[in-house]
């Protein structure tokens, strides 16, 4: 891979001409290319990690309890009262992630204009 010669970026300046004099209005911040490249590399690594280890679409009671930040007993109780969306396979209880996210969204209270 051939390395390109990169000139350092000149500071960007917005100027306004007034009669014979030039007045500097705003000096834009200088961008550090090394910092930008480091942050970009971290973001790419995070996205690749998500692709390699996708989150499961179905959860059991323990996983749903961790997702909802509740105890497994509370989740089982809410299932018994049919307060959470769930499905059963034989005697085991499962939850779909999208159903739980929709349930959470429906539980949000609107506190506007009271």
Protein backbone atom coordinates (compact mmCIF):
# COMPACT_ATOMS: atom_id res chain seq x y z
CA UNK A 1 0.00 0.00 0.00
CA UNK A 2 1.47 3.29 -1.08
CA UNK A 3 1.48 6.15 1.38
CA UNK A 4 0.15 9.42 0.07
CA UNK A 5 1.71 12.74 0.87
CA UNK A 6 -0.93 14.58 2.84
CA UNK A 7 -0.62 18.26 3.45
CA UNK A 8 -1.63 19.45 6.90
CA UNK A 9 -5.01 21.11 6.82
CA UNK A 10 -4.87 24.86 6.94
CA UNK A 11 -7.09 26.46 9.56
CA UNK A 12 -10.42 27.42 8.04
CA UNK A 13 -11.19 31.11 8.41
CA UNK A 14 -14.32 32.96 7.45
CA UNK A 15 -13.55 36.55 6.61
CA UNK A 16 -15.57 39.61 5.91
CA UNK A 17 -14.18 42.49 3.91
CA UNK A 18 -14.97 45.90 5.26
CA UNK A 19 -13.79 48.88 3.24
CA UNK A 20 -9.97 48.60 3.00
CA UNK A 21 -9.52 46.34 6.09
CA UNK A 22 -10.18 42.60 6.51
CA UNK A 23 -11.87 41.50 9.72
CA UNK A 24 -11.80 37.89 10.98
CA UNK A 25 -15.33 36.86 11.95
CA UNK A 26 -14.95 33.24 13.06
CA UNK A 27 -12.06 30.81 13.30
CA UNK A 28 -13.23 27.22 12.87
CA UNK A 29 -11.66 24.59 15.12
CA UNK A 30 -8.76 22.56 13.76
CA UNK A 31 -9.53 18.88 13.32
CA UNK A 32 -6.96 16.42 14.61
CA UNK A 33 -6.83 13.66 12.01
CA UNK A 34 -5.26 11.11 14.37
CA UNK A 35 -8.12 11.50 16.88
CA UNK A 36 -10.74 11.18 14.16
CA UNK A 37 -9.11 8.03 12.78
CA UNK A 38 -8.89 6.49 16.27
CA UNK A 39 -12.57 7.19 16.98
CA UNK A 40 -13.57 5.84 13.57
CA UNK A 41 -11.60 2.64 14.17
CA UNK A 42 -13.33 2.16 17.53
CA UNK A 43 -16.75 2.63 15.96
CA UNK A 44 -15.98 0.11 13.21
CA UNK A 45 -14.75 -2.43 15.79
CA UNK A 46 -17.97 -2.03 17.80
CA UNK A 47 -20.12 -2.56 14.71
CA UNK A 48 -18.15 -5.67 13.72
CA UNK A 49 -18.54 -7.08 17.24
CA UNK A 50 -22.30 -6.59 17.00
CA UNK A 51 -22.38 -8.42 13.66
CA UNK A 52 -20.32 -11.32 14.98
CA UNK A 53 -22.40 -11.74 18.16
CA UNK A 54 -25.99 -10.79 17.30
CA UNK A 55 -28.43 -10.54 20.18
CA UNK A 56 -30.85 -13.46 20.37
CA UNK A 57 -34.38 -12.71 19.25
CA UNK A 58 -35.98 -14.98 21.85
CA UNK A 59 -35.33 -14.96 25.58
CA UNK A 60 -36.16 -17.21 28.48
CA UNK A 61 -37.38 -15.94 31.85
CA UNK A 62 -33.89 -15.20 33.22
CA UNK A 63 -32.81 -13.31 30.09
CA UNK A 64 -36.08 -11.36 29.95
CA UNK A 65 -35.71 -10.48 33.63
CA UNK A 66 -32.20 -9.14 32.99
CA UNK A 67 -33.46 -7.24 29.92
CA UNK A 68 -36.33 -5.67 31.91
CA UNK A 69 -34.17 -5.23 35.03
CA UNK A 70 -36.61 -7.21 37.16
CA UNK A 71 -36.32 -10.36 39.17
CA UNK A 72 -37.26 -13.64 37.47
CA UNK A 73 -40.03 -14.08 40.07
CA UNK A 74 -41.60 -10.77 39.07
CA UNK A 75 -41.46 -11.76 35.40
CA UNK A 76 -43.12 -15.12 36.14
CA UNK A 77 -45.80 -13.34 38.18
CA UNK A 78 -46.47 -10.90 35.32
CA UNK A 79 -46.73 -13.87 32.92
CA UNK A 80 -49.23 -15.55 35.24
CA UNK A 81 -51.31 -12.35 35.23
CA UNK A 82 -50.82 -12.02 31.44
CA UNK A 83 -49.24 -8.58 31.80
CA UNK A 84 -46.27 -9.40 29.53
CA UNK A 85 -46.29 -10.69 25.95
CA UNK A 86 -44.96 -14.26 25.98
CA UNK A 87 -45.30 -17.67 24.36
CA UNK A 88 -44.86 -21.21 25.62
CA UNK A 89 -43.12 -24.22 24.16
CA UNK A 90 -44.41 -27.13 26.17
CA UNK A 91 -43.98 -25.87 29.73
CA UNK A 92 -41.18 -23.36 29.08
CA UNK A 93 -41.88 -19.62 28.84
CA UNK A 94 -40.21 -17.50 26.14
CA UNK A 95 -40.31 -13.86 25.10
CA UNK A 96 -39.55 -12.20 21.79
CA UNK A 97 -37.24 -9.19 22.09
CA UNK A 98 -39.34 -7.08 19.69
CA UNK A 99 -42.51 -7.81 21.71
CA UNK A 100 -40.85 -6.75 24.96
CA UNK A 101 -39.49 -3.57 23.35
CA UNK A 102 -42.99 -2.75 22.05
CA UNK A 103 -44.44 -3.47 25.51
CA UNK A 104 -41.90 -1.10 27.09
CA UNK A 105 -42.80 1.61 24.57
CA UNK A 106 -46.50 1.20 25.34
CA UNK A 107 -45.81 1.59 29.08
CA UNK A 108 -44.30 5.08 28.71
CA UNK A 109 -46.46 7.80 30.28
CA UNK A 110 -47.00 11.05 28.40
CA UNK A 111 -46.48 13.95 30.81
CA UNK A 112 -47.00 16.84 28.41
CA UNK A 113 -48.95 19.99 29.27
CA UNK A 114 -50.29 19.07 32.71
